C-alpha atoms as a PDB file:
ATOM      1  CA  MET A   1      30.800  57.447 -24.255  1.00  0.00           C
ATOM      2  CA  MET A   2      30.184  53.827 -25.141  1.00  0.00           C
ATOM      3  CA  CYS A   3      33.888  53.033 -25.290  1.00  0.00           C
ATOM      4  CA  LEU A   4      34.377  53.562 -21.554  1.00  0.00           C
ATOM      5  CA  PRO A   5      32.186  50.623 -20.429  1.00  0.00           C
ATOM      6  CA  VAL A   6      33.669  48.364 -23.111  1.00  0.00           C
ATOM      7  CA  VAL A   7      37.222  49.190 -22.019  1.00  0.00           C
ATOM      8  CA  SER A   8      36.260  48.742 -18.376  1.00  0.00           C
ATOM      9  CA  VAL A   9      34.788  45.286 -18.978  1.00  0.00           C
ATOM     10  CA  ALA A  10      37.734  44.301 -21.162  1.00  0.00           C
ATOM     11  CA  MET A  11      40.122  45.304 -18.357  1.00  0.00           C
ATOM     12  CA  SER A  12      38.262  43.054 -15.946  1.00  0.00           C
ATOM     13  CA  MET A  13      38.952  40.059 -18.179  1.00  0.00           C
ATOM     14  CA  LEU A  14      42.729  40.489 -17.964  1.00  0.00           C
ATOM     15  CA  PRO A  15      44.609  37.722 -16.152  1.00  0.00           C
ATOM     16  CA  GLY A  16      45.325  38.538 -12.537  1.00  0.00           C
ATOM     17  CA  MET A  17      42.347  40.874 -12.055  1.00  0.00           C
ATOM     18  CA  LYS A  18      40.526  40.047  -8.837  1.00  0.00           C
ATOM     19  CA  LEU A  19      37.537  41.502  -7.059  1.00  0.00           C
ATOM     20  CA  GLU A  20      39.493  43.381  -4.391  1.00  0.00           C
ATOM     21  CA  SER A  21      38.787  46.575  -2.467  1.00  0.00           C
ATOM     22  CA  PHE A  22      39.621  49.085  -5.234  1.00  0.00           C
ATOM     23  CA  TRP A  23      37.964  47.202  -8.085  1.00  0.00           C
ATOM     24  CA  ALA A  24      34.910  46.353  -5.980  1.00  0.00           C
ATOM     25  CA  TRP A  25      34.008  50.062  -5.933  1.00  0.00           C
ATOM     26  CA  MET A  26      34.417  50.689  -9.689  1.00  0.00           C
ATOM     27  CA  PRO A  27      30.831  50.762 -11.029  1.00  0.00           C
ATOM     28  CA  ILE A  28      31.098  48.781 -14.279  1.00  0.00           C
ATOM     29  CA  THR A  29      34.217  46.745 -13.665  1.00  0.00           C
ATOM     30  CA  ASN A  30      32.935  45.392 -10.363  1.00  0.00           C
ATOM     31  CA  VAL A  31      29.879  43.771 -11.931  1.00  0.00           C
ATOM     32  CA  SER A  32      32.010  42.081 -14.570  1.00  0.00           C
ATOM     33  CA  LEU A  33      34.454  40.822 -11.942  1.00  0.00           C
ATOM     34  CA  ALA A  34      31.563  39.658  -9.731  1.00  0.00           C
ATOM     35  CA  ILE A  35      30.069  37.662 -12.602  1.00  0.00           C
ATOM     36  CA  ARG A  36      33.469  36.100 -13.197  1.00  0.00           C
ATOM     37  CA  GLU A  37      33.748  35.176  -9.507  1.00  0.00           C
ATOM     38  CA  VAL A  38      30.234  33.690  -9.515  1.00  0.00           C
ATOM     39  CA  LEU A  39      31.099  31.514 -12.494  1.00  0.00           C
ATOM     40  CA  LYS A  40      34.241  30.325 -10.706  1.00  0.00           C
ATOM     41  CA  GLY A  41      32.257  29.793  -7.490  1.00  0.00           C
ATOM     42  CA  THR A  42      34.495  32.008  -5.347  1.00  0.00           C
ATOM     43  CA  LEU A  43      32.306  35.073  -4.697  1.00  0.00           C
ATOM     44  CA  GLY A  44      31.934  35.894  -1.010  1.00  0.00           C
ATOM     45  CA  ALA A  45      28.977  37.620   0.613  1.00  0.00           C
ATOM     46  CA  GLY A  46      31.074  40.640   1.603  1.00  0.00           C
ATOM     47  CA  SER A  47      32.293  41.218  -1.933  1.00  0.00           C
ATOM     48  CA  LEU A  48      28.770  40.881  -3.269  1.00  0.00           C
ATOM     49  CA  ALA A  49      27.532  43.444  -0.741  1.00  0.00           C
ATOM     50  CA  VAL A  50      30.217  45.943  -1.783  1.00  0.00           C
ATOM     51  CA  VAL A  51      29.398  45.422  -5.464  1.00  0.00           C
ATOM     52  CA  MET A  52      25.684  45.931  -4.847  1.00  0.00           C
ATOM     53  CA  LEU A  53      26.243  48.999  -2.653  1.00  0.00           C
ATOM     54  CA  SER A  54      28.569  50.710  -5.117  1.00  0.00           C
ATOM     55  CA  THR A  55      26.247  49.960  -8.024  1.00  0.00           C
ATOM     56  CA  LEU A  56      23.246  51.332  -6.133  1.00  0.00           C
ATOM     57  CA  LEU A  57      25.167  54.477  -5.160  1.00  0.00           C
ATOM     58  CA  ALA A  58      26.262  55.071  -8.758  1.00  0.00           C
ATOM     59  CA  ALA A  59      22.709  54.508 -10.017  1.00  0.00           C
ATOM     60  CA  GLY A  60      21.298  56.908  -7.425  1.00  0.00           C
ATOM     61  CA  MET A  61      23.758  59.639  -8.347  1.00  0.00           C
ATOM     62  CA  LEU A  62      23.082  59.210 -12.062  1.00  0.00           C
ATOM     63  CA  ILE A  63      19.321  59.357 -11.495  1.00  0.00           C
ATOM     64  CA  GLN A  64      19.764  62.614  -9.561  1.00  0.00           C
ATOM     65  CA  VAL A  65      21.776  64.077 -12.446  1.00  0.00           C
ATOM     66  CA  CYS A  66      19.052  63.067 -14.910  1.00  0.00           C
ATOM     67  CA  VAL A  67      16.329  64.591 -12.725  1.00  0.00           C
ATOM     68  CA  ARG A  68      18.243  67.879 -12.436  1.00  0.00           C
ATOM     69  CA  LEU A  69      18.811  67.997 -16.175  1.00  0.00           C
ATOM     70  CA  CYS A  70      15.164  67.281 -16.952  1.00  0.00           C
ATOM     71  CA  ARG A  71      14.006  70.015 -14.573  1.00  0.00           C
ATOM     72  CA  ALA A  72      16.098  72.646 -16.348  1.00  0.00           C
ATOM     73  CA  GLU A  73      14.029  74.907 -18.618  1.00  0.00           C
ATOM     74  CA  ARG A  74      16.704  75.005 -21.291  1.00  0.00           C
ATOM     75  CA  VAL A  75      16.371  71.237 -21.699  1.00  0.00           C
ATOM     76  CA  LEU A  76      12.591  71.228 -21.676  1.00  0.00           C
ATOM     77  CA  PHE A  77      12.051  74.171 -24.013  1.00  0.00           C
ATOM     78  CA  ARG A  78      15.271  73.951 -26.097  1.00  0.00           C
ATOM     79  CA  ARG A  79      16.421  77.508 -25.364  1.00  0.00           C
END
């Protein structure tokens, strides 16, 4: 499971990768590309908004999954 974020961040460091519409919605890659754009000084407000929105949506969905798993009796009581 830990290899997926590492590969995603490594892909964002490839030459020619830009924070465009598809990559702006990819949860881990978009943050790495946004940081790269900030360091270059070329990050626009629209791109930042898309990055923040997609990250918040992904976080919300993952929190819901965790809540559902923790409410399951088989997880709580190890049945």
